Amino acid sequence: MTFKAPDSLSEQIAHHLAEQIIGGVLKPAERIQEQKVTQALNVSRGSVREALLILERRHLVTILPRRGAHVTELNEHNVRSLCTLMGELYILLGNAVATGYQNPTDLAPFLAIQQRLAQACERKDIRAFVEESFAVMRAAYPFANNPYLQETVENLQPAMSRAYYLALDRRKAQMNDFLVLFARLLQAVIARDLAQIREVLSQYCQRSCELVLSALVTD
């Protein structure tokens, strides 16, 4: 693989490794050897080290003294902790859109994402479906206008993507179920019903957590 844009090389390497972790190519607790990555991608060892620091910040690897970088493990405590926190962040973003949109055209990006989610579901394209699921959050960022919230979500998103991908890949979750929940969420946002937004997103995160934990048992 050849990378371009040297100024963002570490980010590109991090993205490449993140895809392997999310897709299960790199397994939980597996060591990521800097030299192998350097040779495989034809990049400098310093860039790989920077990429691993990025992945540590995004909760996909753990770097230990004298032991190097290892893929973080998925266990019940980590999954429940992640889903609980992400649920509250989702609610903050949902409320921001509901209270911030001025007219129906402001919601066009979410309707477009809903259509792409449906198309990914028809193709049974798990990776595209997971990516579009998180595109929803990015479309909500301008309404929240909160850089700290955005940074927190961005750093947690890869770990959550990994959990969703596992559940969908093990057939413990169905893409159709998420589509139904997203439709309910959009209705609540349009109605500016903050109580309903919390209820829908709380149910969504609780259900997601259960499905991920179920997938872990059969992993």
N, C-alpha and C. Protein backbone atom coordinates (compact mmCIF):
# COMPACT_ATOMS: atom_id res chain seq x y z
N MET A 1 0.85 -1.19 0.00
CA MET A 1 0.00 0.00 0.00
C MET A 1 0.89 1.24 0.00
N THR A 2 0.53 2.23 -0.82
CA THR A 2 1.26 3.49 -0.88
C THR A 2 0.38 4.62 -0.40
N PHE A 3 0.89 5.41 0.53
CA PHE A 3 0.13 6.52 1.07
C PHE A 3 0.62 7.83 0.47
N LYS A 4 -0.31 8.78 0.36
CA LYS A 4 0.02 10.11 -0.11
C LYS A 4 -0.23 11.10 1.02
N ALA A 5 -0.04 12.38 0.71
CA ALA A 5 -0.27 13.45 1.68
C ALA A 5 0.52 13.20 2.97
N PRO A 6 1.85 13.45 2.93
CA PRO A 6 2.70 13.18 4.11
C PRO A 6 2.23 13.88 5.38
N ASP A 7 1.58 15.04 5.24
CA ASP A 7 1.18 15.76 6.43
C ASP A 7 0.10 15.03 7.23
N SER A 8 -0.58 14.08 6.59
CA SER A 8 -1.62 13.33 7.30
C SER A 8 -1.31 11.83 7.30
N LEU A 9 -0.05 11.50 7.14
CA LEU A 9 0.34 10.10 7.02
C LEU A 9 -0.06 9.28 8.24
N SER A 10 0.18 9.81 9.43
CA SER A 10 -0.15 9.06 10.65
C SER A 10 -1.64 8.79 10.74
N GLU A 11 -2.44 9.78 10.35
CA GLU A 11 -3.89 9.59 10.35
C GLU A 11 -4.29 8.50 9.36
N GLN A 12 -3.64 8.47 8.20
CA GLN A 12 -3.95 7.45 7.20
C GLN A 12 -3.60 6.06 7.71
N ILE A 13 -2.45 5.96 8.36
CA ILE A 13 -2.05 4.66 8.93
C ILE A 13 -3.03 4.25 10.03
N ALA A 14 -3.39 5.21 10.87
CA ALA A 14 -4.35 4.92 11.95
C ALA A 14 -5.67 4.44 11.37
N HIS A 15 -6.12 5.10 10.31
CA HIS A 15 -7.38 4.70 9.68
C HIS A 15 -7.29 3.28 9.12
N HIS A 16 -6.17 2.98 8.49
CA HIS A 16 -5.96 1.64 7.93
C HIS A 16 -6.00 0.57 9.03
N LEU A 17 -5.29 0.82 10.12
CA LEU A 17 -5.28 -0.15 11.22
C LEU A 17 -6.63 -0.23 11.90
N ALA A 18 -7.31 0.91 12.02
CA ALA A 18 -8.63 0.92 12.65
C ALA A 18 -9.61 0.06 11.86
N GLU A 19 -9.54 0.14 10.55
CA GLU A 19 -10.43 -0.70 9.72
C GLU A 19 -10.18 -2.18 9.97
N GLN A 20 -8.91 -2.54 10.16
CA GLN A 20 -8.58 -3.94 10.42
C GLN A 20 -9.08 -4.39 11.80
N ILE A 21 -9.01 -3.47 12.76
CA ILE A 21 -9.50 -3.80 14.11
C ILE A 21 -11.02 -3.90 14.10
N ILE A 22 -11.69 -2.92 13.49
CA ILE A 22 -13.15 -2.90 13.45
C ILE A 22 -13.69 -4.12 12.70
N GLY A 23 -13.01 -4.47 11.61
CA GLY A 23 -13.46 -5.61 10.81
C GLY A 23 -13.05 -6.96 11.36
N GLY A 24 -12.27 -6.97 12.44
CA GLY A 24 -11.90 -8.24 13.08
C GLY A 24 -10.67 -8.91 12.50
N VAL A 25 -9.98 -8.23 11.57
CA VAL A 25 -8.74 -8.81 11.03
C VAL A 25 -7.69 -8.85 12.13
N LEU A 26 -7.59 -7.76 12.87
CA LEU A 26 -6.74 -7.73 14.06
C LEU A 26 -7.62 -8.07 15.26
N LYS A 27 -7.27 -9.09 15.98
CA LYS A 27 -8.12 -9.63 17.04
C LYS A 27 -7.87 -8.93 18.39
N PRO A 28 -8.85 -9.00 19.30
CA PRO A 28 -8.67 -8.46 20.65
C PRO A 28 -7.43 -9.05 21.31
N ALA A 29 -6.65 -8.19 21.95
CA ALA A 29 -5.42 -8.55 22.66
C ALA A 29 -4.25 -8.85 21.73
N GLU A 30 -4.47 -8.85 20.43
CA GLU A 30 -3.37 -9.12 19.49
C GLU A 30 -2.36 -7.97 19.51
N ARG A 31 -1.10 -8.32 19.49
CA ARG A 31 -0.05 -7.29 19.47
C ARG A 31 0.11 -6.73 18.07
N ILE A 32 0.24 -5.41 17.97
CA ILE A 32 0.51 -4.76 16.69
C ILE A 32 2.00 -4.45 16.66
N GLN A 33 2.72 -5.14 15.83
CA GLN A 33 4.17 -5.00 15.78
C GLN A 33 4.54 -3.86 14.83
N GLU A 34 5.22 -2.86 15.39
CA GLU A 34 5.56 -1.66 14.61
C GLU A 34 6.36 -2.00 13.36
N GLN A 35 7.32 -2.90 13.50
CA GLN A 35 8.19 -3.22 12.36
C GLN A 35 7.40 -3.85 11.22
N LYS A 36 6.47 -4.74 11.54
CA LYS A 36 5.66 -5.38 10.50
C LYS A 36 4.78 -4.36 9.78
N VAL A 37 4.19 -3.44 10.54
CA VAL A 37 3.36 -2.41 9.93
C VAL A 37 4.21 -1.51 9.05
N THR A 38 5.40 -1.16 9.54
CA THR A 38 6.32 -0.31 8.78
C THR A 38 6.66 -0.94 7.44
N GLN A 39 6.98 -2.24 7.46
CA GLN A 39 7.36 -2.94 6.23
C GLN A 39 6.16 -3.15 5.31
N ALA A 40 5.03 -3.48 5.88
CA ALA A 40 3.84 -3.77 5.07
C ALA A 40 3.33 -2.54 4.34
N LEU A 41 3.43 -1.38 5.00
CA LEU A 41 2.88 -0.15 4.42
C LEU A 41 3.95 0.75 3.81
N ASN A 42 5.20 0.36 3.98
CA ASN A 42 6.31 1.14 3.44
C ASN A 42 6.28 2.58 3.98
N VAL A 43 6.22 2.68 5.30
CA VAL A 43 6.20 3.98 5.97
C VAL A 43 7.24 3.95 7.09
N SER A 44 7.49 5.11 7.67
CA SER A 44 8.50 5.19 8.73
C SER A 44 7.96 4.65 10.05
N ARG A 45 8.87 4.21 10.89
CA ARG A 45 8.48 3.69 12.21
C ARG A 45 7.89 4.81 13.07
N GLY A 46 8.42 6.03 12.91
CA GLY A 46 7.89 7.16 13.66
C GLY A 46 6.44 7.44 13.32
N SER A 47 6.07 7.31 12.04
CA SER A 47 4.68 7.52 11.63
C SER A 47 3.77 6.45 12.20
N VAL A 48 4.28 5.22 12.27
CA VAL A 48 3.48 4.14 12.85
C VAL A 48 3.26 4.38 14.33
N ARG A 49 4.28 4.85 15.02
CA ARG A 49 4.14 5.13 16.45
C ARG A 49 3.11 6.23 16.69
N GLU A 50 3.15 7.26 15.85
CA GLU A 50 2.15 8.33 15.97
C GLU A 50 0.75 7.79 15.70
N ALA A 51 0.64 6.89 14.72
CA ALA A 51 -0.66 6.29 14.41
C ALA A 51 -1.19 5.47 15.59
N LEU A 52 -0.32 4.76 16.25
CA LEU A 52 -0.73 3.94 17.39
C LEU A 52 -1.19 4.83 18.56
N LEU A 53 -0.56 5.98 18.72
CA LEU A 53 -1.01 6.93 19.75
C LEU A 53 -2.41 7.45 19.43
N ILE A 54 -2.67 7.68 18.15
CA ILE A 54 -4.01 8.10 17.72
C ILE A 54 -5.03 7.01 18.06
N LEU A 55 -4.67 5.77 17.77
CA LEU A 55 -5.58 4.65 18.03
C LEU A 55 -5.78 4.43 19.53
N GLU A 56 -4.76 4.73 20.32
CA GLU A 56 -4.93 4.63 21.78
C GLU A 56 -5.94 5.67 22.25
N ARG A 57 -5.86 6.87 21.71
CA ARG A 57 -6.81 7.92 22.07
C ARG A 57 -8.22 7.54 21.65
N ARG A 58 -8.32 6.74 20.62
CA ARG A 58 -9.63 6.33 20.11
C ARG A 58 -10.06 4.98 20.67
N HIS A 59 -9.34 4.50 21.66
CA HIS A 59 -9.73 3.32 22.44
C HIS A 59 -9.74 2.02 21.63
N LEU A 60 -8.91 1.96 20.61
CA LEU A 60 -8.80 0.73 19.83
C LEU A 60 -7.54 -0.05 20.18
N VAL A 61 -6.53 0.61 20.74
CA VAL A 61 -5.33 -0.09 21.18
C VAL A 61 -4.94 0.39 22.57
N THR A 62 -4.20 -0.45 23.24
CA THR A 62 -3.60 -0.12 24.54
C THR A 62 -2.09 -0.23 24.39
N ILE A 63 -1.38 0.80 24.81
CA ILE A 63 0.08 0.79 24.71
C ILE A 63 0.66 0.64 26.11
N LEU A 64 1.42 -0.43 26.30
CA LEU A 64 2.00 -0.73 27.61
C LEU A 64 3.52 -0.63 27.54
N PRO A 65 4.17 -0.12 28.59
CA PRO A 65 5.63 -0.02 28.61
C PRO A 65 6.29 -1.39 28.41
N ARG A 66 7.22 -1.43 27.47
CA ARG A 66 8.01 -2.63 27.18
C ARG A 66 7.18 -3.78 26.61
N ARG A 67 5.90 -3.55 26.42
CA ARG A 67 5.06 -4.61 25.83
C ARG A 67 4.45 -4.18 24.51
N GLY A 68 4.54 -2.90 24.20
CA GLY A 68 4.05 -2.41 22.91
C GLY A 68 2.55 -2.22 22.87
N ALA A 69 2.03 -2.14 21.65
CA ALA A 69 0.61 -1.87 21.43
C ALA A 69 -0.16 -3.16 21.20
N HIS A 70 -1.30 -3.26 21.87
CA HIS A 70 -2.19 -4.41 21.71
C HIS A 70 -3.60 -3.91 21.42
N VAL A 71 -4.33 -4.67 20.62
CA VAL A 71 -5.73 -4.34 20.36
C VAL A 71 -6.51 -4.45 21.66
N THR A 72 -7.30 -3.45 21.96
CA THR A 72 -8.08 -3.48 23.20
C THR A 72 -9.06 -4.65 23.18
N GLU A 73 -9.34 -5.17 24.35
CA GLU A 73 -10.27 -6.28 24.46
C GLU A 73 -11.70 -5.79 24.58
N LEU A 74 -12.60 -6.57 24.05
CA LEU A 74 -14.03 -6.30 24.22
C LEU A 74 -14.54 -7.21 25.32
N ASN A 75 -14.98 -6.62 26.43
CA ASN A 75 -15.57 -7.41 27.49
C ASN A 75 -16.84 -6.73 27.97
N GLU A 76 -17.55 -7.40 28.86
CA GLU A 76 -18.85 -6.87 29.27
C GLU A 76 -18.74 -5.48 29.90
N HIS A 77 -17.76 -5.30 30.78
CA HIS A 77 -17.63 -4.02 31.44
C HIS A 77 -17.36 -2.90 30.44
N ASN A 78 -16.44 -3.13 29.51
CA ASN A 78 -16.10 -2.11 28.52
C ASN A 78 -17.28 -1.78 27.62
N VAL A 79 -17.99 -2.82 27.19
CA VAL A 79 -19.14 -2.59 26.29
C VAL A 79 -20.24 -1.82 27.00
N ARG A 80 -20.56 -2.21 28.22
CA ARG A 80 -21.62 -1.50 28.96
C ARG A 80 -21.21 -0.05 29.24
N SER A 81 -19.97 0.16 29.61
CA SER A 81 -19.50 1.51 29.89
C SER A 81 -19.58 2.38 28.63
N LEU A 82 -19.15 1.83 27.51
CA LEU A 82 -19.15 2.56 26.25
C LEU A 82 -20.57 2.90 25.81
N CYS A 83 -21.46 1.92 25.85
CA CYS A 83 -22.83 2.14 25.40
C CYS A 83 -23.55 3.16 26.29
N THR A 84 -23.30 3.11 27.59
CA THR A 84 -23.94 4.07 28.51
C THR A 84 -23.51 5.49 28.19
N LEU A 85 -22.22 5.69 28.00
CA LEU A 85 -21.72 7.03 27.70
C LEU A 85 -22.18 7.50 26.33
N MET A 86 -22.08 6.64 25.32
CA MET A 86 -22.49 7.04 23.98
C MET A 86 -23.97 7.37 23.93
N GLY A 87 -24.77 6.67 24.74
CA GLY A 87 -26.20 6.96 24.78
C GLY A 87 -26.46 8.40 25.19
N GLU A 88 -25.76 8.87 26.20
CA GLU A 88 -25.95 10.25 26.65
C GLU A 88 -25.45 11.25 25.61
N LEU A 89 -24.38 10.92 24.92
CA LEU A 89 -23.86 11.80 23.88
C LEU A 89 -24.83 11.87 22.70
N TYR A 90 -25.41 10.71 22.34
CA TYR A 90 -26.42 10.69 21.28
C TYR A 90 -27.59 11.60 21.64
N ILE A 91 -28.02 11.52 22.88
CA ILE A 91 -29.17 12.32 23.33
C ILE A 91 -28.85 13.81 23.24
N LEU A 92 -27.65 14.19 23.66
CA LEU A 92 -27.25 15.59 23.54
C LEU A 92 -27.31 16.06 22.10
N LEU A 93 -26.83 15.24 21.18
CA LEU A 93 -26.85 15.62 19.77
C LEU A 93 -28.27 15.65 19.22
N GLY A 94 -29.07 14.66 19.59
CA GLY A 94 -30.46 14.63 19.13
C GLY A 94 -31.24 15.84 19.60
N ASN A 95 -31.04 16.21 20.86
CA ASN A 95 -31.71 17.39 21.41
C ASN A 95 -31.25 18.67 20.70
N ALA A 96 -29.97 18.72 20.36
CA ALA A 96 -29.44 19.90 19.69
C ALA A 96 -30.08 20.09 18.32
N VAL A 97 -30.27 18.99 17.60
CA VAL A 97 -30.92 19.10 16.29
C VAL A 97 -32.38 19.50 16.45
N ALA A 98 -33.08 18.87 17.40
CA ALA A 98 -34.50 19.14 17.60
C ALA A 98 -34.77 20.58 17.98
N THR A 99 -33.92 21.14 18.80
CA THR A 99 -34.13 22.52 19.26
C THR A 99 -33.49 23.54 18.33
N GLY A 100 -32.60 23.09 17.44
CA GLY A 100 -31.85 24.04 16.62
C GLY A 100 -32.29 24.19 15.19
N TYR A 101 -33.01 23.20 14.65
CA TYR A 101 -33.36 23.33 13.23
C TYR A 101 -34.45 24.39 13.05
N GLN A 102 -34.33 25.15 11.97
CA GLN A 102 -35.24 26.27 11.72
C GLN A 102 -36.38 25.90 10.78
N ASN A 103 -36.10 25.09 9.80
CA ASN A 103 -37.13 24.68 8.84
C ASN A 103 -36.83 23.26 8.37
N PRO A 104 -37.79 22.60 7.73
CA PRO A 104 -37.60 21.20 7.32
C PRO A 104 -36.38 20.96 6.44
N THR A 105 -35.97 21.96 5.66
CA THR A 105 -34.81 21.76 4.79
C THR A 105 -33.53 21.54 5.58
N ASP A 106 -33.50 22.01 6.83
CA ASP A 106 -32.32 21.80 7.67
C ASP A 106 -32.10 20.32 7.97
N LEU A 107 -33.16 19.54 7.84
CA LEU A 107 -33.08 18.11 8.17
C LEU A 107 -32.78 17.26 6.94
N ALA A 108 -32.57 17.91 5.79
CA ALA A 108 -32.30 17.16 4.56
C ALA A 108 -31.10 16.21 4.68
N PRO A 109 -30.01 16.60 5.34
CA PRO A 109 -28.88 15.66 5.46
C PRO A 109 -29.26 14.35 6.16
N PHE A 110 -30.15 14.44 7.14
CA PHE A 110 -30.55 13.23 7.88
C PHE A 110 -31.44 12.33 7.02
N LEU A 111 -32.26 12.94 6.19
CA LEU A 111 -33.10 12.16 5.28
C LEU A 111 -32.24 11.47 4.23
N ALA A 112 -31.19 12.16 3.78
CA ALA A 112 -30.28 11.55 2.81
C ALA A 112 -29.55 10.37 3.43
N ILE A 113 -29.13 10.52 4.69
CA ILE A 113 -28.45 9.43 5.39
C ILE A 113 -29.41 8.26 5.58
N GLN A 114 -30.65 8.55 5.90
CA GLN A 114 -31.65 7.49 6.06
C GLN A 114 -31.78 6.68 4.77
N GLN A 115 -31.76 7.37 3.64
CA GLN A 115 -31.85 6.68 2.35
C GLN A 115 -30.62 5.81 2.10
N ARG A 116 -29.46 6.34 2.43
CA ARG A 116 -28.23 5.56 2.22
C ARG A 116 -28.17 4.35 3.17
N LEU A 117 -28.70 4.52 4.38
CA LEU A 117 -28.77 3.39 5.31
C LEU A 117 -29.66 2.28 4.73
N ALA A 118 -30.78 2.68 4.16
CA ALA A 118 -31.70 1.70 3.56
C ALA A 118 -31.03 0.98 2.39
N GLN A 119 -30.26 1.72 1.59
CA GLN A 119 -29.57 1.12 0.46
C GLN A 119 -28.49 0.14 0.94
N ALA A 120 -27.76 0.51 1.99
CA ALA A 120 -26.75 -0.39 2.54
C ALA A 120 -27.39 -1.65 3.11
N CYS A 121 -28.56 -1.48 3.69
CA CYS A 121 -29.30 -2.62 4.23
C CYS A 121 -29.70 -3.57 3.11
N GLU A 122 -30.18 -3.02 2.01
CA GLU A 122 -30.59 -3.85 0.87
C GLU A 122 -29.40 -4.62 0.31
N ARG A 123 -28.22 -3.98 0.29
CA ARG A 123 -27.02 -4.64 -0.23
C ARG A 123 -26.39 -5.57 0.80
N LYS A 124 -26.89 -5.51 2.03
CA LYS A 124 -26.30 -6.26 3.14
C LYS A 124 -24.83 -5.85 3.34
N ASP A 125 -24.58 -4.58 3.18
CA ASP A 125 -23.23 -4.02 3.30
C ASP A 125 -23.05 -3.50 4.73
N ILE A 126 -22.49 -4.34 5.60
CA ILE A 126 -22.36 -4.00 7.02
C ILE A 126 -21.44 -2.81 7.21
N ARG A 127 -20.31 -2.80 6.52
CA ARG A 127 -19.35 -1.72 6.73
C ARG A 127 -19.95 -0.36 6.35
N ALA A 128 -20.63 -0.30 5.21
CA ALA A 128 -21.26 0.96 4.78
C ALA A 128 -22.36 1.36 5.75
N PHE A 129 -23.10 0.38 6.25
CA PHE A 129 -24.20 0.68 7.18
C PHE A 129 -23.65 1.29 8.47
N VAL A 130 -22.57 0.71 8.98
CA VAL A 130 -21.98 1.24 10.22
C VAL A 130 -21.45 2.66 9.99
N GLU A 131 -20.79 2.88 8.85
CA GLU A 131 -20.25 4.20 8.55
C GLU A 131 -21.36 5.25 8.45
N GLU A 132 -22.46 4.89 7.79
CA GLU A 132 -23.57 5.83 7.66
C GLU A 132 -24.26 6.08 9.00
N SER A 133 -24.25 5.09 9.87
CA SER A 133 -24.84 5.27 11.20
C SER A 133 -24.13 6.40 11.95
N PHE A 134 -22.82 6.48 11.78
CA PHE A 134 -22.07 7.52 12.47
C PHE A 134 -22.04 8.83 11.69
N ALA A 135 -22.42 8.77 10.42
CA ALA A 135 -22.59 10.01 9.65
C ALA A 135 -23.74 10.83 10.24
N VAL A 136 -24.68 10.15 10.87
CA VAL A 136 -25.80 10.85 11.53
C VAL A 136 -25.27 11.81 12.59
N MET A 137 -24.33 11.35 13.38
CA MET A 137 -23.77 12.20 14.44
C MET A 137 -23.04 13.39 13.86
N ARG A 138 -22.28 13.14 12.79
CA ARG A 138 -21.51 14.25 12.20
C ARG A 138 -22.44 15.29 11.58
N ALA A 139 -23.58 14.85 11.08
CA ALA A 139 -24.55 15.81 10.55
C ALA A 139 -25.16 16.65 11.66
N ALA A 140 -25.11 16.13 12.89
CA ALA A 140 -25.69 16.84 14.03
C ALA A 140 -24.72 17.83 14.66
N TYR A 141 -23.42 17.71 14.38
CA TYR A 141 -22.43 18.57 15.02
C TYR A 141 -22.72 20.07 14.86
N PRO A 142 -23.07 20.54 13.65
CA PRO A 142 -23.30 21.99 13.51
C PRO A 142 -24.43 22.51 14.40
N PHE A 143 -25.42 21.68 14.68
CA PHE A 143 -26.53 22.10 15.53
C PHE A 143 -26.07 22.24 16.98
N ALA A 144 -25.18 21.33 17.40
CA ALA A 144 -24.69 21.37 18.78
C ALA A 144 -23.68 22.50 18.96
N ASN A 145 -22.83 22.71 17.94
CA ASN A 145 -21.81 23.76 17.99
C ASN A 145 -21.00 23.68 19.28
N ASN A 146 -20.55 22.46 19.58
CA ASN A 146 -19.81 22.21 20.81
C ASN A 146 -18.56 21.40 20.47
N PRO A 147 -17.40 22.05 20.38
CA PRO A 147 -16.19 21.34 19.96
C PRO A 147 -15.78 20.23 20.92
N TYR A 148 -16.09 20.38 22.20
CA TYR A 148 -15.72 19.36 23.18
C TYR A 148 -16.58 18.10 23.00
N LEU A 149 -17.85 18.31 22.75
CA LEU A 149 -18.74 17.19 22.48
C LEU A 149 -18.30 16.48 21.20
N GLN A 150 -17.98 17.25 20.17
CA GLN A 150 -17.57 16.67 18.91
C GLN A 150 -16.28 15.85 19.05
N GLU A 151 -15.30 16.40 19.76
CA GLU A 151 -14.04 15.68 19.95
C GLU A 151 -14.25 14.38 20.73
N THR A 152 -15.10 14.44 21.75
CA THR A 152 -15.36 13.24 22.56
C THR A 152 -16.02 12.16 21.72
N VAL A 153 -17.02 12.54 20.93
CA VAL A 153 -17.72 11.57 20.09
C VAL A 153 -16.77 10.98 19.05
N GLU A 154 -15.94 11.82 18.44
CA GLU A 154 -15.02 11.34 17.41
C GLU A 154 -14.03 10.34 17.98
N ASN A 155 -13.57 10.57 19.20
CA ASN A 155 -12.61 9.65 19.81
C ASN A 155 -13.25 8.33 20.23
N LEU A 156 -14.55 8.35 20.54
CA LEU A 156 -15.25 7.14 20.95
C LEU A 156 -15.86 6.38 19.77
N GLN A 157 -16.08 7.07 18.68
CA GLN A 157 -16.78 6.48 17.54
C GLN A 157 -16.13 5.20 17.01
N PRO A 158 -14.79 5.14 16.86
CA PRO A 158 -14.22 3.89 16.35
C PRO A 158 -14.50 2.68 17.24
N ALA A 159 -14.45 2.87 18.56
CA ALA A 159 -14.73 1.76 19.47
C ALA A 159 -16.18 1.32 19.33
N MET A 160 -17.08 2.29 19.17
CA MET A 160 -18.49 1.95 19.02
C MET A 160 -18.74 1.28 17.66
N SER A 161 -18.05 1.76 16.62
CA SER A 161 -18.17 1.13 15.31
C SER A 161 -17.76 -0.34 15.38
N ARG A 162 -16.70 -0.58 16.10
CA ARG A 162 -16.21 -1.96 16.26
C ARG A 162 -17.27 -2.84 16.92
N ALA A 163 -17.92 -2.31 17.94
CA ALA A 163 -18.95 -3.08 18.64
C ALA A 163 -20.15 -3.34 17.74
N TYR A 164 -20.59 -2.32 17.00
CA TYR A 164 -21.73 -2.48 16.09
C TYR A 164 -21.41 -3.50 15.00
N TYR A 165 -20.21 -3.37 14.45
CA TYR A 165 -19.81 -4.27 13.36
C TYR A 165 -19.83 -5.71 13.83
N LEU A 166 -19.33 -5.95 15.04
CA LEU A 166 -19.32 -7.30 15.59
C LEU A 166 -20.74 -7.86 15.70
N ALA A 167 -21.66 -7.05 16.24
CA ALA A 167 -23.03 -7.51 16.43
C ALA A 167 -23.70 -7.81 15.09
N LEU A 168 -23.50 -6.96 14.10
CA LEU A 168 -24.11 -7.17 12.79
C LEU A 168 -23.46 -8.34 12.06
N ASP A 169 -22.15 -8.46 12.18
CA ASP A 169 -21.43 -9.53 11.49
C ASP A 169 -21.79 -10.89 12.06
N ARG A 170 -22.07 -10.96 13.36
CA ARG A 170 -22.44 -12.23 14.00
C ARG A 170 -23.94 -12.49 13.89
N ARG A 171 -24.63 -11.63 13.16
CA ARG A 171 -26.07 -11.75 12.94
C ARG A 171 -26.89 -11.68 14.24
N LYS A 172 -26.28 -11.05 15.27
CA LYS A 172 -27.03 -10.84 16.51
C LYS A 172 -27.91 -9.60 16.39
N ALA A 173 -27.55 -8.74 15.45
CA ALA A 173 -28.36 -7.54 15.20
C ALA A 173 -28.76 -7.54 13.73
N GLN A 174 -29.90 -6.95 13.44
CA GLN A 174 -30.38 -6.83 12.07
C GLN A 174 -30.41 -5.36 11.68
N MET A 175 -29.91 -5.06 10.50
CA MET A 175 -29.89 -3.67 10.04
C MET A 175 -31.28 -3.07 10.00
N ASN A 176 -32.26 -3.90 9.67
CA ASN A 176 -33.65 -3.42 9.61
C ASN A 176 -34.11 -2.85 10.94
N ASP A 177 -33.70 -3.48 12.03
CA ASP A 177 -34.10 -3.01 13.37
C ASP A 177 -33.58 -1.60 13.61
N PHE A 178 -32.34 -1.34 13.19
CA PHE A 178 -31.77 -0.01 13.36
C PHE A 178 -32.48 1.02 12.48
N LEU A 179 -32.91 0.59 11.29
CA LEU A 179 -33.64 1.50 10.41
C LEU A 179 -34.95 1.94 11.04
N VAL A 180 -35.64 1.02 11.67
CA VAL A 180 -36.90 1.35 12.33
C VAL A 180 -36.67 2.36 13.46
N LEU A 181 -35.64 2.12 14.24
CA LEU A 181 -35.33 3.04 15.34
C LEU A 181 -34.94 4.42 14.83
N PHE A 182 -34.21 4.46 13.73
CA PHE A 182 -33.80 5.74 13.18
C PHE A 182 -35.01 6.52 12.66
N ALA A 183 -35.97 5.81 12.09
CA ALA A 183 -37.19 6.46 11.62
C ALA A 183 -37.96 7.05 12.79
N ARG A 184 -38.01 6.32 13.89
CA ARG A 184 -38.68 6.84 15.09
C ARG A 184 -37.96 8.06 15.64
N LEU A 185 -36.63 8.01 15.59
CA LEU A 185 -35.84 9.14 16.09
C LEU A 185 -36.10 10.39 15.24
N LEU A 186 -36.13 10.22 13.93
CA LEU A 186 -36.39 11.37 13.06
C LEU A 186 -37.76 11.98 13.35
N GLN A 187 -38.75 11.15 13.57
CA GLN A 187 -40.08 11.66 13.90
C GLN A 187 -40.05 12.47 15.19
N ALA A 188 -39.32 11.99 16.16
CA ALA A 188 -39.23 12.70 17.44
C ALA A 188 -38.50 14.02 17.28
N VAL A 189 -37.47 14.04 16.45
CA VAL A 189 -36.71 15.27 16.20
C VAL A 189 -37.58 16.29 15.50
N ILE A 190 -38.30 15.84 14.48
CA ILE A 190 -39.18 16.75 13.73
C ILE A 190 -40.23 17.35 14.65
N ALA A 191 -40.72 16.54 15.59
CA ALA A 191 -41.75 17.02 16.54
C ALA A 191 -41.14 17.80 17.69
N ARG A 192 -39.83 17.88 17.75
CA ARG A 192 -39.10 18.54 18.85
C ARG A 192 -39.51 17.96 20.21
N ASP A 193 -39.69 16.65 20.21
CA ASP A 193 -40.13 15.93 21.41
C ASP A 193 -38.89 15.39 22.12
N LEU A 194 -38.36 16.17 23.06
CA LEU A 194 -37.12 15.78 23.72
C LEU A 194 -37.28 14.53 24.58
N ALA A 195 -38.43 14.37 25.18
CA ALA A 195 -38.67 13.18 26.00
C ALA A 195 -38.66 11.92 25.12
N GLN A 196 -39.26 12.03 23.95
CA GLN A 196 -39.30 10.88 23.04
C GLN A 196 -37.91 10.59 22.48
N ILE A 197 -37.14 11.64 22.22
CA ILE A 197 -35.76 11.45 21.75
C ILE A 197 -34.97 10.66 22.78
N ARG A 198 -35.08 11.03 24.04
CA ARG A 198 -34.37 10.30 25.10
C ARG A 198 -34.85 8.85 25.17
N GLU A 199 -36.14 8.65 25.08
CA GLU A 199 -36.67 7.28 25.17
C GLU A 199 -36.17 6.42 24.02
N VAL A 200 -36.25 6.95 22.79
CA VAL A 200 -35.83 6.17 21.62
C VAL A 200 -34.34 5.85 21.69
N LEU A 201 -33.53 6.85 22.02
CA LEU A 201 -32.08 6.64 22.04
C LEU A 201 -31.65 5.77 23.22
N SER A 202 -32.34 5.88 24.33
CA SER A 202 -32.03 5.01 25.47
C SER A 202 -32.34 3.56 25.12
N GLN A 203 -33.48 3.33 24.48
CA GLN A 203 -33.83 1.98 24.04
C GLN A 203 -32.82 1.46 23.02
N TYR A 204 -32.43 2.35 22.11
CA TYR A 204 -31.49 1.99 21.06
C TYR A 204 -30.15 1.53 21.65
N CYS A 205 -29.63 2.30 22.61
CA CYS A 205 -28.33 1.97 23.20
C CYS A 205 -28.41 0.73 24.08
N GLN A 206 -29.51 0.59 24.80
CA GLN A 206 -29.67 -0.59 25.64
C GLN A 206 -29.76 -1.85 24.78
N ARG A 207 -30.53 -1.75 23.70
CA ARG A 207 -30.67 -2.89 22.80
C ARG A 207 -29.33 -3.20 22.12
N SER A 208 -28.63 -2.16 21.70
CA SER A 208 -27.33 -2.34 21.05
C SER A 208 -26.36 -3.03 21.99
N CYS A 209 -26.35 -2.61 23.24
CA CYS A 209 -25.47 -3.20 24.23
C CYS A 209 -25.75 -4.70 24.38
N GLU A 210 -27.01 -5.05 24.47
CA GLU A 210 -27.38 -6.46 24.62
C GLU A 210 -26.93 -7.28 23.43
N LEU A 211 -27.10 -6.71 22.23
CA LEU A 211 -26.74 -7.42 21.02
C LEU A 211 -25.22 -7.63 20.92
N VAL A 212 -24.46 -6.61 21.29
CA VAL A 212 -23.01 -6.73 21.27
C VAL A 212 -22.54 -7.78 22.26
N LEU A 213 -23.11 -7.76 23.45
CA LEU A 213 -22.73 -8.75 24.48
C LEU A 213 -23.09 -10.16 24.02
N SER A 214 -24.22 -10.29 23.35
CA SER A 214 -24.61 -11.59 22.82
C SER A 214 -23.63 -12.06 21.77
N ALA A 215 -23.15 -11.12 20.94
CA ALA A 215 -22.18 -11.47 19.91
C ALA A 215 -20.85 -11.88 20.53
N LEU A 216 -20.49 -11.25 21.64
CA LEU A 216 -19.23 -11.59 22.31
C LEU A 216 -19.22 -13.04 22.78
N VAL A 217 -20.37 -13.52 23.21
CA VAL A 217 -20.47 -14.89 23.71
C VAL A 217 -20.15 -15.89 22.62
N THR A 218 -20.53 -15.55 21.37
CA THR A 218 -20.31 -16.50 20.26
C THR A 218 -19.09 -16.15 19.43
N ASP A 219 -18.35 -15.08 19.87
CA ASP A 219 -17.19 -14.66 19.08
C ASP A 219 -16.07 -15.71 19.15
